[in-house]
């Protein structure tokens, strides 16, 4: 079975253990990449991994 490549932004929040509004703030500040499909905002799985990798690099 193929893995989901994009998640709705509201479903990305639990991955980070963050609130939905925090995820939207990250999207708005362009720290988390997202795309709009119709009226839905989607966060690609690669963007989640990239965000986490960037956070680890900044912390080091």
N, C-alpha and C. Protein backbone atom coordinates (compact mmCIF):
# COMPACT_ATOMS: atom_id res chain seq x y z
N UNK A 1 0.84 -1.18 0.00
CA UNK A 1 0.00 0.00 0.00
C UNK A 1 0.89 1.24 0.00
N UNK A 2 0.52 2.23 -0.80
CA UNK A 2 1.29 3.46 -0.91
C UNK A 2 1.03 4.36 0.30
N UNK A 3 2.10 4.98 0.82
CA UNK A 3 1.95 5.87 1.96
C UNK A 3 1.37 7.20 1.51
N UNK A 4 0.72 7.88 2.43
CA UNK A 4 0.18 9.19 2.16
C UNK A 4 1.33 10.17 1.98
N UNK A 5 1.32 10.92 0.89
CA UNK A 5 2.41 11.85 0.61
C UNK A 5 2.14 13.24 1.15
N UNK A 6 0.85 13.58 1.32
CA UNK A 6 0.49 14.89 1.86
C UNK A 6 -0.54 14.69 2.96
N UNK A 7 -0.46 15.55 3.95
CA UNK A 7 -1.43 15.52 5.04
C UNK A 7 -2.12 16.86 5.13
N UNK A 8 -3.37 16.83 5.54
CA UNK A 8 -4.06 18.08 5.83
C UNK A 8 -3.31 18.76 6.97
N UNK A 9 -3.22 20.06 6.94
CA UNK A 9 -2.44 20.77 7.95
C UNK A 9 -2.93 20.48 9.36
N UNK A 10 -4.23 20.29 9.54
CA UNK A 10 -4.74 20.00 10.88
C UNK A 10 -4.27 18.64 11.38
N UNK A 11 -3.94 17.70 10.45
CA UNK A 11 -3.45 16.39 10.84
C UNK A 11 -1.94 16.38 10.99
N UNK A 12 -1.26 17.45 10.58
CA UNK A 12 0.18 17.54 10.76
C UNK A 12 0.52 17.96 12.18
N UNK A 13 -0.36 18.69 12.82
CA UNK A 13 -0.11 19.19 14.17
C UNK A 13 0.23 18.08 15.16
N UNK A 14 -0.51 16.96 15.19
CA UNK A 14 -0.15 15.91 16.15
C UNK A 14 1.23 15.30 15.90
N UNK A 15 1.72 15.33 14.67
CA UNK A 15 3.05 14.81 14.39
C UNK A 15 4.12 15.56 15.16
N UNK A 16 3.90 16.87 15.32
CA UNK A 16 4.85 17.72 16.02
C UNK A 16 4.50 17.87 17.49
N UNK A 17 3.34 17.36 17.88
CA UNK A 17 2.81 17.60 19.22
C UNK A 17 2.62 19.11 19.45
N UNK A 18 2.14 19.78 18.42
CA UNK A 18 1.88 21.22 18.45
C UNK A 18 0.40 21.46 18.19
N UNK A 19 -0.05 22.64 18.54
CA UNK A 19 -1.42 23.02 18.25
C UNK A 19 -1.59 23.36 16.78
N UNK A 20 -2.81 23.30 16.33
CA UNK A 20 -3.12 23.61 14.93
C UNK A 20 -2.70 25.03 14.56
N UNK A 21 -2.94 25.99 15.45
CA UNK A 21 -2.58 27.37 15.13
C UNK A 21 -1.07 27.54 15.02
N UNK A 22 -0.31 26.78 15.78
CA UNK A 22 1.15 26.85 15.67
C UNK A 22 1.61 26.34 14.32
N UNK A 23 0.99 25.28 13.84
CA UNK A 23 1.34 24.76 12.51
C UNK A 23 1.00 25.79 11.44
N UNK A 24 -0.15 26.45 11.57
CA UNK A 24 -0.50 27.49 10.60
C UNK A 24 0.47 28.66 10.68
N UNK A 25 0.95 29.00 11.88
CA UNK A 25 1.96 30.05 12.01
C UNK A 25 3.26 29.66 11.31
N UNK A 26 3.66 28.39 11.44
CA UNK A 26 4.87 27.90 10.75
C UNK A 26 4.69 27.98 9.24
N UNK A 27 3.50 27.67 8.77
CA UNK A 27 3.21 27.76 7.33
C UNK A 27 3.25 29.21 6.88
N UNK A 28 2.61 30.08 7.65
CA UNK A 28 2.57 31.50 7.31
C UNK A 28 3.95 32.13 7.28
N UNK A 29 4.83 31.70 8.20
CA UNK A 29 6.19 32.24 8.26
C UNK A 29 7.14 31.53 7.28
N UNK A 30 6.59 30.60 6.52
CA UNK A 30 7.34 29.84 5.51
C UNK A 30 8.45 28.97 6.09
N UNK A 31 8.30 28.59 7.35
CA UNK A 31 9.24 27.65 7.96
C UNK A 31 8.80 26.21 7.68
N UNK A 32 7.52 26.03 7.35
CA UNK A 32 6.96 24.73 7.00
C UNK A 32 6.29 24.87 5.64
N UNK A 33 6.73 24.08 4.68
CA UNK A 33 6.21 24.15 3.32
C UNK A 33 4.83 23.51 3.26
N UNK A 34 3.94 24.15 2.52
CA UNK A 34 2.62 23.58 2.31
C UNK A 34 2.15 23.95 0.92
N UNK A 35 1.07 23.33 0.49
CA UNK A 35 0.48 23.67 -0.79
C UNK A 35 -1.02 23.68 -0.64
N UNK A 36 -1.66 24.41 -1.51
CA UNK A 36 -3.11 24.53 -1.48
C UNK A 36 -3.69 23.76 -2.65
N UNK A 37 -4.64 22.90 -2.33
CA UNK A 37 -5.36 22.15 -3.35
C UNK A 37 -6.83 22.49 -3.14
N UNK A 38 -7.37 23.25 -4.06
CA UNK A 38 -8.74 23.75 -3.87
C UNK A 38 -8.75 24.68 -2.68
N UNK A 39 -9.56 24.35 -1.67
CA UNK A 39 -9.61 25.16 -0.46
C UNK A 39 -8.87 24.49 0.69
N UNK A 40 -8.19 23.38 0.40
CA UNK A 40 -7.48 22.63 1.43
C UNK A 40 -6.00 22.97 1.45
N UNK A 41 -5.44 23.05 2.62
CA UNK A 41 -4.00 23.27 2.79
C UNK A 41 -3.39 21.91 3.12
N UNK A 42 -2.35 21.51 2.37
CA UNK A 42 -1.70 20.22 2.56
C UNK A 42 -0.23 20.42 2.87
N UNK A 43 0.31 19.57 3.74
CA UNK A 43 1.72 19.59 4.09
C UNK A 43 2.33 18.29 3.58
N UNK A 44 3.23 18.38 2.59
CA UNK A 44 3.87 17.16 2.08
C UNK A 44 4.71 16.48 3.16
N UNK A 45 4.76 15.15 3.12
CA UNK A 45 5.54 14.39 4.09
C UNK A 45 7.00 14.81 4.06
N UNK A 46 7.53 15.09 2.87
CA UNK A 46 8.92 15.54 2.76
C UNK A 46 9.14 16.85 3.49
N UNK A 47 8.14 17.73 3.48
CA UNK A 47 8.26 19.02 4.17
C UNK A 47 8.35 18.82 5.68
N UNK A 48 7.62 17.84 6.18
CA UNK A 48 7.68 17.54 7.62
C UNK A 48 9.08 17.07 7.98
N UNK A 49 9.62 16.14 7.19
CA UNK A 49 10.99 15.64 7.45
C UNK A 49 12.01 16.77 7.34
N UNK A 50 11.87 17.62 6.33
CA UNK A 50 12.80 18.74 6.16
C UNK A 50 12.73 19.71 7.34
N UNK A 51 11.52 19.99 7.80
CA UNK A 51 11.36 20.88 8.94
C UNK A 51 12.06 20.31 10.17
N UNK A 52 11.84 19.03 10.42
CA UNK A 52 12.47 18.39 11.58
C UNK A 52 13.98 18.41 11.45
N UNK A 53 14.49 18.09 10.27
CA UNK A 53 15.94 18.11 10.04
C UNK A 53 16.51 19.51 10.28
N UNK A 54 15.82 20.54 9.80
CA UNK A 54 16.27 21.93 10.01
C UNK A 54 16.28 22.30 11.49
N UNK A 55 15.28 21.84 12.22
CA UNK A 55 15.22 22.13 13.65
C UNK A 55 16.37 21.45 14.40
N UNK A 56 16.71 20.25 13.99
CA UNK A 56 17.84 19.53 14.61
C UNK A 56 19.15 20.25 14.32
N UNK A 57 19.32 20.71 13.07
CA UNK A 57 20.55 21.43 12.71
C UNK A 57 20.68 22.74 13.49
N UNK A 58 19.56 23.46 13.65
CA UNK A 58 19.59 24.72 14.38
C UNK A 58 19.91 24.50 15.85
N UNK A 59 19.46 23.39 16.39
CA UNK A 59 19.68 23.10 17.81
C UNK A 59 21.12 22.66 18.08
N UNK A 60 21.78 22.16 17.06
CA UNK A 60 23.15 21.65 17.26
C UNK A 60 24.18 22.75 17.33
